[in-house]
Protein backbone atom coordinates (compact mmCIF):
# COMPACT_ATOMS: atom_id res chain seq x y z
CA MET A 1 159.49 165.30 83.59
CA PRO A 2 159.88 160.75 83.62
CA GLU A 3 156.38 159.45 81.98
CA LYS A 4 153.70 158.66 84.52
CA ASN A 5 153.18 154.91 85.28
CA ARG A 6 149.75 153.49 84.24
CA PHE A 7 149.28 151.63 87.13
CA ASP A 8 149.60 154.89 88.91
CA ARG A 9 145.64 155.42 88.38
CA LYS A 10 143.07 154.76 90.63
CA MET A 11 142.20 151.98 88.35
CA ARG A 12 144.32 149.04 88.30
CA ILE A 13 142.75 146.48 86.42
CA ALA A 14 144.17 146.76 82.87
CA PRO A 15 141.46 147.04 80.20
CA SER A 16 141.04 143.46 78.49
CA PRO A 17 141.56 143.01 74.74
CA ARG A 18 139.09 143.69 72.44
CA SER A 19 138.12 140.20 70.75
CA SER A 20 139.21 140.07 66.89
CA TYR A 21 136.31 137.91 66.18
CA PRO A 22 133.23 139.82 64.32
CA ALA A 23 130.67 140.62 66.85
CA ASN A 24 128.04 139.20 65.13
CA MET A 25 129.70 135.55 64.70
CA ASN A 26 127.40 132.95 65.80
CA SER A 27 129.24 129.88 67.35
CA ALA A 28 129.51 127.36 70.17
CA ILE A 29 132.35 128.38 71.45
CA LEU A 30 131.66 131.67 72.34
CA THR A 31 129.04 130.20 74.76
CA PRO A 32 130.17 130.47 78.38
CA VAL A 33 131.17 127.48 80.30
CA ALA A 34 128.73 128.60 83.45
CA GLU A 35 125.78 128.86 80.75
CA VAL A 36 125.79 125.22 79.57
CA ALA A 37 123.56 122.77 81.53
CA PRO A 38 123.88 119.79 83.31
CA ALA A 39 124.32 116.88 81.49
CA THR A 40 120.82 114.51 82.02
CA ASN A 41 119.99 110.91 81.38
CA MET A 42 116.96 111.86 79.30
CA PRO A 43 117.67 111.21 75.72
CA ALA A 44 117.33 114.29 73.68
CA ALA A 45 116.36 116.71 76.72
CA THR A 46 116.94 119.89 75.80
CA THR A 47 118.27 122.66 77.86
CA GLU A 48 114.87 124.46 78.04
CA ALA A 49 113.18 121.33 79.16
CA THR A 50 115.65 120.60 81.75
CA ASP A 51 115.48 124.26 83.47
CA LEU A 52 111.63 123.47 83.25
CA GLN A 53 111.95 120.47 85.50
CA TRP A 54 114.27 121.54 87.78
CA GLN A 55 112.09 124.86 87.97
CA ALA A 56 109.21 122.15 88.65
CA VAL A 57 111.35 120.32 91.21
CA LEU A 58 112.25 123.90 93.20
CA ALA A 59 108.49 124.52 93.65
CA ARG A 60 107.35 121.87 94.59
CA ASP A 61 105.01 121.48 91.66
CA ALA A 62 102.82 118.10 92.13
CA GLY A 63 101.92 118.73 88.77
CA GLY A 64 105.49 116.89 87.41
CA ASP A 65 104.61 113.85 89.38
CA GLY A 66 104.13 111.17 87.20
CA LYS A 67 105.60 112.69 84.65
CA PHE A 68 109.28 112.75 85.40
CA VAL A 69 111.62 112.12 88.33
CA PHE A 70 114.77 113.34 89.79
CA ALA A 71 117.45 111.52 91.02
CA VAL A 72 120.82 112.91 93.24
CA SER A 73 124.21 111.57 92.99
CA SER A 74 125.36 112.76 96.07
CA THR A 75 122.37 110.51 98.12
CA GLY A 76 121.91 107.90 94.91
CA VAL A 77 117.94 108.52 95.39
CA TYR A 78 115.31 109.46 93.27
CA CYS A 79 112.43 111.62 94.15
CA ARG A 80 109.28 112.81 92.35
CA PRO A 81 108.99 116.81 92.03
CA SER A 82 106.69 117.46 94.66
CA CYS A 83 108.77 115.66 97.61
CA PRO A 84 109.20 117.62 100.55
CA ALA A 85 112.60 116.74 100.94
CA ARG A 86 115.34 120.16 101.40
CA ARG A 87 116.07 120.68 97.73
CA PRO A 88 119.46 119.93 96.22
CA ARG A 89 122.45 121.18 94.57
CA ARG A 90 121.55 121.87 90.71
CA GLU A 91 124.82 120.44 89.78
CA ASN A 92 123.64 117.07 91.63
CA VAL A 93 120.14 116.28 89.86
CA SER A 94 119.55 114.60 87.10
CA PHE A 95 116.21 113.88 85.27
CA PHE A 96 114.46 110.17 84.38
CA ARG A 97 111.45 109.73 82.32
CA GLY A 98 110.29 107.72 85.52
CA PRO A 99 111.25 105.41 88.05
CA GLN A 100 112.29 102.31 86.38
CA GLU A 101 115.06 103.95 84.06
CA ALA A 102 116.39 106.10 87.47
CA GLU A 103 116.80 102.36 89.00
CA SER A 104 118.32 101.30 85.73
CA ALA A 105 121.03 104.07 86.05
CA GLY A 106 122.25 103.11 90.41
CA TYR A 107 119.21 105.20 92.10
CA ARG A 108 117.31 103.67 94.48
CA GLU A 109 113.20 105.36 95.84
CA CYS A 110 112.87 107.82 97.98
CA LEU A 111 111.14 106.33 100.79
CA ARG A 112 109.86 109.48 102.10
CA CYS A 113 107.64 110.97 98.67
CA ARG A 114 107.50 107.08 96.86
CA PRO A 115 107.59 108.47 93.41
CA LYS A 116 106.64 105.06 92.25
CA ALA A 117 103.29 104.98 94.37
CA VAL A 118 102.64 108.50 92.43
CA SER A 119 98.84 108.60 90.70
CA ALA A 120 96.69 110.35 88.62
CA ASN A 121 95.09 112.23 91.64
CA PRO A 122 98.16 114.44 93.62
CA ARG A 123 95.26 115.41 96.65
CA GLN A 124 94.89 111.85 97.09
CA GLU A 125 98.48 110.80 97.03
CA LEU A 126 98.98 113.61 99.40
CA ILE A 127 96.69 112.49 101.82
CA LYS A 128 97.89 108.99 101.58
CA SER A 129 101.25 110.54 102.93
CA VAL A 130 99.26 112.29 105.60
CA CYS A 131 97.88 108.98 106.57
CA ARG A 132 101.36 106.90 107.14
CA TYR A 133 102.51 110.44 108.73
CA ILE A 134 99.62 109.99 111.48
CA GLU A 135 100.27 106.12 111.54
CA ARG A 136 104.18 106.49 112.43
CA HIS A 137 103.34 109.20 115.16
CA LEU A 138 100.73 107.43 117.07
CA ASP A 139 103.07 106.94 119.89
CA GLU A 140 102.92 110.63 120.40
CA PRO A 141 100.89 114.35 120.46
CA ILE A 142 99.98 115.12 116.21
CA THR A 143 99.41 118.90 115.90
CA LEU A 144 97.95 119.84 112.48
CA ALA A 145 100.40 122.74 113.09
CA GLN A 146 102.92 120.29 112.82
CA MET A 147 101.62 118.51 109.91
CA SER A 148 101.13 121.49 108.22
CA ALA A 149 104.82 122.38 108.26
CA GLU A 150 106.05 118.93 107.53
CA PHE A 151 103.68 119.26 104.29
CA ARG A 152 104.31 123.02 103.46
CA LEU A 153 100.75 123.27 103.70
CA SER A 154 98.63 126.03 105.86
CA PRO A 155 96.76 124.11 108.56
CA PHE A 156 93.53 125.66 106.89
CA HIS A 157 93.80 124.09 103.58
CA LEU A 158 95.71 120.57 104.71
CA GLN A 159 92.33 119.95 107.13
CA ARG A 160 90.04 120.76 104.56
CA THR A 161 91.48 118.66 102.20
CA PHE A 162 91.72 115.65 104.51
CA LYS A 163 88.44 115.87 105.15
CA ALA A 164 87.11 116.17 101.62
CA VAL A 165 89.12 112.99 100.74
CA LEU A 166 88.35 110.65 103.32
CA GLY A 167 85.47 112.65 105.10
CA ILE A 168 87.02 112.82 108.79
CA THR A 169 89.47 114.93 109.87
CA PRO A 170 93.68 114.03 110.46
CA LYS A 171 92.41 113.96 114.76
CA GLU A 172 89.47 111.75 114.21
CA TYR A 173 91.48 109.46 111.10
CA ALA A 174 94.26 109.43 114.68
CA ASN A 175 91.70 108.50 117.02
CA SER A 176 90.68 105.79 114.65
CA CYS A 177 94.32 104.26 114.34
CA ARG A 178 94.56 103.96 117.84
CA MET A 179 91.75 102.54 118.68
CA ARG A 180 92.27 99.89 115.72
CA GLY A 181 95.40 99.06 117.32
CA PHE A 182 94.10 98.83 120.86
CA ARG A 183 91.62 96.18 119.92
CA GLN A 184 94.10 94.50 117.62
CA ASN A 185 96.19 94.16 120.58
CA LEU A 186 93.78 93.08 123.56
CA LYS A 187 92.41 90.49 120.65
CA ALA A 188 96.42 89.53 120.82
CA GLY A 189 96.09 88.17 124.39
CA HIS A 190 98.06 91.20 125.61
CA SER A 191 97.30 93.33 129.11
CA VAL A 192 95.17 96.47 129.08
CA THR A 193 98.36 98.54 129.84
CA ARG A 194 100.49 97.02 126.77
CA ALA A 195 98.00 97.08 124.49
CA MET A 196 97.35 100.68 125.37
CA HIS A 197 101.03 102.14 124.78
CA GLU A 198 101.55 100.28 122.05
CA ALA A 199 98.37 101.21 120.31
CA GLY A 200 99.73 105.06 121.12
CA TYR A 201 97.75 105.85 124.01
CA ASN A 202 99.90 108.09 126.76
CA SER A 203 97.30 108.07 129.40
CA THR A 204 94.56 105.91 130.85
CA SER A 205 92.85 108.65 130.79
CA ARG A 206 92.20 108.91 127.27
CA LEU A 207 91.79 105.62 126.33
CA TYR A 208 88.72 104.94 128.66
CA ALA A 209 87.27 108.36 127.69
CA ARG A 210 86.92 106.85 124.08
CA THR A 211 85.95 103.01 125.05
CA THR A 212 82.82 103.56 125.78
CA SER A 213 81.77 104.76 122.17
CA GLU A 214 84.39 102.60 120.16
CA LEU A 215 84.37 99.05 121.97
CA GLY A 216 80.94 99.10 123.92
CA MET A 217 82.39 97.29 126.69
CA GLU A 218 85.51 97.80 129.28
CA PRO A 219 89.09 97.33 127.63
CA SER A 220 89.34 94.49 130.38
CA LYS A 221 86.40 92.56 129.26
CA TYR A 222 87.01 93.46 125.40
CA ARG A 223 90.68 91.97 126.03
CA ARG A 224 90.62 88.87 123.61
CA GLY A 225 87.11 88.41 122.02
CA ALA A 226 85.47 89.88 125.14
CA ILE A 227 86.49 87.47 127.93
CA ALA A 228 84.62 87.20 130.48
CA ALA A 229 81.93 89.58 128.88
CA PRO A 230 78.36 88.73 129.46
CA ILE A 231 76.21 88.64 126.37
CA ARG A 232 72.90 87.16 126.26
CA TYR A 233 71.29 85.89 122.94
CA THR A 234 68.27 83.93 121.58
CA CYS A 235 67.11 82.90 118.19
CA ALA A 236 63.94 83.69 116.76
CA ASP A 237 62.04 82.63 113.71
CA SER A 238 61.95 85.74 111.09
CA PRO A 239 60.58 86.04 107.30
CA LEU A 240 63.92 85.25 106.40
CA GLY A 241 64.62 82.31 108.22
CA ARG A 242 66.46 82.11 111.98
CA LEU A 243 67.83 84.74 113.48
CA MET A 244 69.92 85.44 116.29
CA ILE A 245 69.86 88.68 118.53
CA ALA A 246 72.56 88.99 121.27
CA ALA A 247 73.36 91.76 123.26
CA THR A 248 75.45 93.10 126.30
CA ASP A 249 74.17 95.16 128.79
CA LYS A 250 74.30 98.45 126.68
CA GLY A 251 72.72 97.14 123.82
CA ILE A 252 72.78 95.03 120.84
CA CYS A 253 75.97 93.83 119.58
CA THR A 254 74.63 91.85 116.61
CA ILE A 255 71.87 90.70 114.36
CA GLN A 256 72.59 87.62 112.17
CA PHE A 257 70.03 85.28 109.72
CA ALA A 258 70.97 81.80 109.38
CA ASN A 259 69.28 78.36 108.98
CA SER A 260 69.94 76.75 111.70
CA ASP A 261 70.52 77.96 115.35
CA GLU A 262 74.11 75.98 115.43
CA GLU A 263 75.38 78.27 112.49
CA LEU A 264 74.01 81.15 114.51
CA GLU A 265 75.99 79.77 117.94
CA GLN A 266 79.00 78.81 115.75
CA GLY A 267 79.04 83.07 114.31
CA LEU A 268 78.77 84.11 117.35
CA LYS A 269 81.73 82.01 119.25
CA GLN A 270 83.93 83.25 116.21
CA GLU A 271 82.89 87.22 116.97
CA PHE A 272 83.31 86.50 120.74
CA PRO A 273 85.47 83.42 121.02
CA PHE A 274 86.02 84.41 125.14
CA ALA A 275 82.89 85.82 126.06
CA LEU A 276 80.44 84.60 128.83
CA ARG A 277 77.89 83.60 126.19
CA ARG A 278 74.51 82.33 127.84
CA ARG A 279 71.31 81.88 125.90
CA ASP A 280 68.09 84.07 127.42
CA ASP A 281 64.97 83.19 125.50
CA ARG A 282 63.08 84.65 127.80
CA ASP A 283 64.21 88.12 128.54
CA LEU A 284 65.01 88.68 125.15
CA ALA A 285 62.25 87.74 123.28
CA GLU A 286 60.99 91.28 123.49
CA LEU A 287 63.71 92.54 121.14
CA ALA A 288 63.76 89.72 118.95
CA GLN A 289 59.77 90.91 118.39
CA ARG A 290 60.58 94.01 117.82
CA VAL A 291 63.69 93.06 115.05
CA VAL A 292 60.81 91.03 113.23
CA ARG A 293 58.19 93.50 113.70
CA ARG A 294 60.02 96.02 111.77
CA MET A 295 60.69 93.34 109.18
CA ASN A 296 57.48 93.28 108.36
CA GLY A 297 56.98 97.19 108.35
CA ASP A 298 54.95 97.56 111.17
CA GLY A 299 54.27 101.34 112.26
CA LEU A 300 53.17 101.75 108.94
CA GLY A 301 49.82 103.78 107.95
CA LYS A 302 47.53 103.35 105.82
CA ASN A 303 48.58 102.67 102.06
CA GLY A 304 52.01 101.32 103.46
CA ILE A 305 52.79 105.37 104.37
CA ARG A 306 55.21 105.07 107.26
CA LYS A 307 53.80 107.25 110.39
CA ASN A 308 56.97 108.61 111.62
CA ARG A 309 59.89 109.40 108.33
CA LYS A 310 62.35 108.78 111.10
CA ASN A 311 63.97 105.24 110.41
CA MET A 312 61.94 102.64 112.75
CA ALA A 313 65.51 100.47 113.25
CA SER A 314 67.29 103.58 115.04
CA ALA A 315 65.76 103.31 118.06
CA LEU A 316 67.11 99.62 118.37
CA PRO A 317 69.60 100.07 121.89
CA LEU A 318 73.22 99.21 119.91
CA ASP A 319 76.55 98.70 121.33
CA ILE A 320 79.11 98.20 118.16
CA GLN A 321 82.01 98.74 117.04
CA ALA A 322 83.03 101.17 114.63
CA THR A 323 85.21 103.02 112.73
CA ALA A 324 85.07 106.59 111.72
CA PHE A 325 84.29 105.75 108.40
CA GLN A 326 81.53 102.77 108.92
CA ARG A 327 80.15 105.25 111.67
CA ARG A 328 79.23 107.75 108.65
CA VAL A 329 77.89 104.97 106.51
CA TRP A 330 75.99 103.25 108.85
CA THR A 331 74.55 106.76 110.51
CA TYR A 332 73.89 107.20 107.07
CA LEU A 333 71.55 104.12 106.20
CA GLN A 334 69.84 104.20 108.99
CA SER A 335 68.12 107.72 107.23
CA ILE A 336 67.22 105.43 103.69
CA ALA A 337 63.11 104.98 104.28
CA PHE A 338 61.50 101.92 104.64
CA GLY A 339 60.75 100.36 101.14
CA GLU A 340 63.37 102.69 99.16
CA THR A 341 66.93 101.78 98.23
CA ARG A 342 69.87 103.92 97.43
CA SER A 343 73.51 103.08 94.87
CA TYR A 344 76.78 102.83 96.79
CA SER A 345 77.82 105.66 94.85
CA GLN A 346 74.96 107.39 96.21
CA VAL A 347 75.81 106.85 99.87
CA ALA A 348 79.44 107.64 99.24
CA LYS A 349 78.40 110.86 97.46
CA ALA A 350 76.09 111.53 100.28
CA ILE A 351 78.34 111.32 102.87
CA ARG A 352 80.86 113.34 101.17
CA ARG A 353 83.30 110.58 99.52
CA PRO A 354 82.30 110.19 95.89
CA SER A 355 85.20 107.76 95.24
CA ALA A 356 85.07 105.71 97.92
CA VAL A 357 82.01 103.88 96.20
CA ARG A 358 84.39 100.52 97.59
CA ALA A 359 84.87 101.66 100.65
CA VAL A 360 81.03 102.14 101.01
CA ALA A 361 80.43 98.27 99.91
CA ARG A 362 83.25 96.96 102.58
CA ALA A 363 81.03 99.18 105.62
CA CYS A 364 77.99 97.16 104.32
CA ALA A 365 80.11 93.79 104.33
CA THR A 366 80.93 94.37 107.61
CA ASN A 367 77.17 95.34 109.70
CA PRO A 368 77.22 93.50 112.16
CA VAL A 369 73.33 94.20 113.05
CA ALA A 370 70.60 93.35 110.30
CA ILE A 371 67.77 95.58 110.24
CA ALA A 372 68.95 97.85 112.93
CA ILE A 373 71.78 99.18 109.65
CA PRO A 374 69.91 98.53 106.90
CA CYS A 375 72.93 97.40 104.34
CA HIS A 376 69.92 95.62 102.54
CA ARG A 377 69.24 99.23 100.93
CA VAL A 378 72.34 99.59 99.44
CA VAL A 379 72.21 98.06 95.77
CA ARG A 380 74.42 98.94 92.31
CA SER A 381 73.76 101.52 90.44
CA ASN A 382 72.12 99.14 87.42
CA GLY A 383 69.44 97.70 89.46
CA GLU A 384 71.58 94.60 90.76
CA MET A 385 71.20 93.50 94.52
CA GLY A 386 75.11 93.72 94.86
CA GLY A 387 76.22 91.77 98.03
CA TYR A 388 74.94 91.16 101.61
CA ARG A 389 76.57 89.03 104.17
CA TRP A 390 73.54 87.04 105.05
CA GLY A 391 73.10 86.05 101.48
CA ILE A 392 71.63 87.57 97.59
CA GLU A 393 68.52 85.74 98.60
CA ARG A 394 67.49 86.99 101.78
CA LYS A 395 68.35 90.84 100.58
CA LYS A 396 66.43 90.28 97.20
CA SER A 397 63.42 89.35 99.99
CA LEU A 398 63.68 91.28 102.43
CA LEU A 399 63.34 94.50 99.58
CA GLU A 400 60.49 92.66 98.30
CA LEU A 401 58.79 92.49 101.58
CA GLU A 402 59.73 96.02 101.71
CA ALA A 403 58.10 96.87 98.98
CA SER A 404 54.90 95.07 99.52
CA LYS A 405 54.43 96.84 102.78
CA THR A 406 54.42 100.48 101.17
């Protein structure tokens, strides 16, 4: 009987010959090629270190931001680990200690994650990215679901984080950006229709629904500094020098201090260069007296205790522009009692923006209505006066005057 061919068996793969090397031999020659990590441009980088970096990239771990960047040879771009872009193939990735090393190797910065702008606070960087995304899409309806998908976060977490950092919701931020752009376009002389579309409004109904609270007047009247809008004003004496009160038909739009009526009128002209400004001492005299009475502490009971704990200035009818953040700050300032003060950091904490101390100071500095919004009651943490739009001496005198009445 002929010998059975060994290829007639069901297993048709011949067994590999046994290695002649001892089993306990440890040599780099025996390391499979597929298990060797790709070389990186980080000196002294171990395979374990690069594996950890690659895992951070796959997980979009924001904890690695600022510690290293990864570059993709197929695109010529380097990114931070948390970049929301699609993950590249492992063999195309190199790691660098920072942006400078990556650029020295010929890579360019990713315009999506901006690794050169990374800071020690990943949450703030996330919200900055969200803000830039909103600003780029003002001309289209942006939903929370869209942003959640873009930044790979749940809608609830995105909204909560955004409000914790900025104090307003993404929708409120988008509305503020649109209104700011709309005001700038009107002041530049553009028509209301053009300004509306360039600012991102898709319909006049959405625009006019917000102009009453944001502009205080119709868009056509606000155009180019409230062109043709009637603004009446009066000047009067006050404990801090000459006082100007200007008002539209809806309320006070400015309360200013200066040394002379000429300075006050010039300031009003700069604020509303094309408005129909008219001095009206007779009809505005009672309003001026109300402001002066509040400066002098009228309404206080015995021993300087106020009869009504509600801030007296809040009764004044106001017609002012404000961003969402300014409105939060100014509303809180109106709750500070007569004769009391708060520090800038206390105000920031009170509006749940503890890191926005400088932004609070800017909001105080841009307050257009002195006394009505008592920004003079905000001082530095060390007790120093800080800034004041109408001069430090006036701020000091005003605080001393209130202290003497309480």
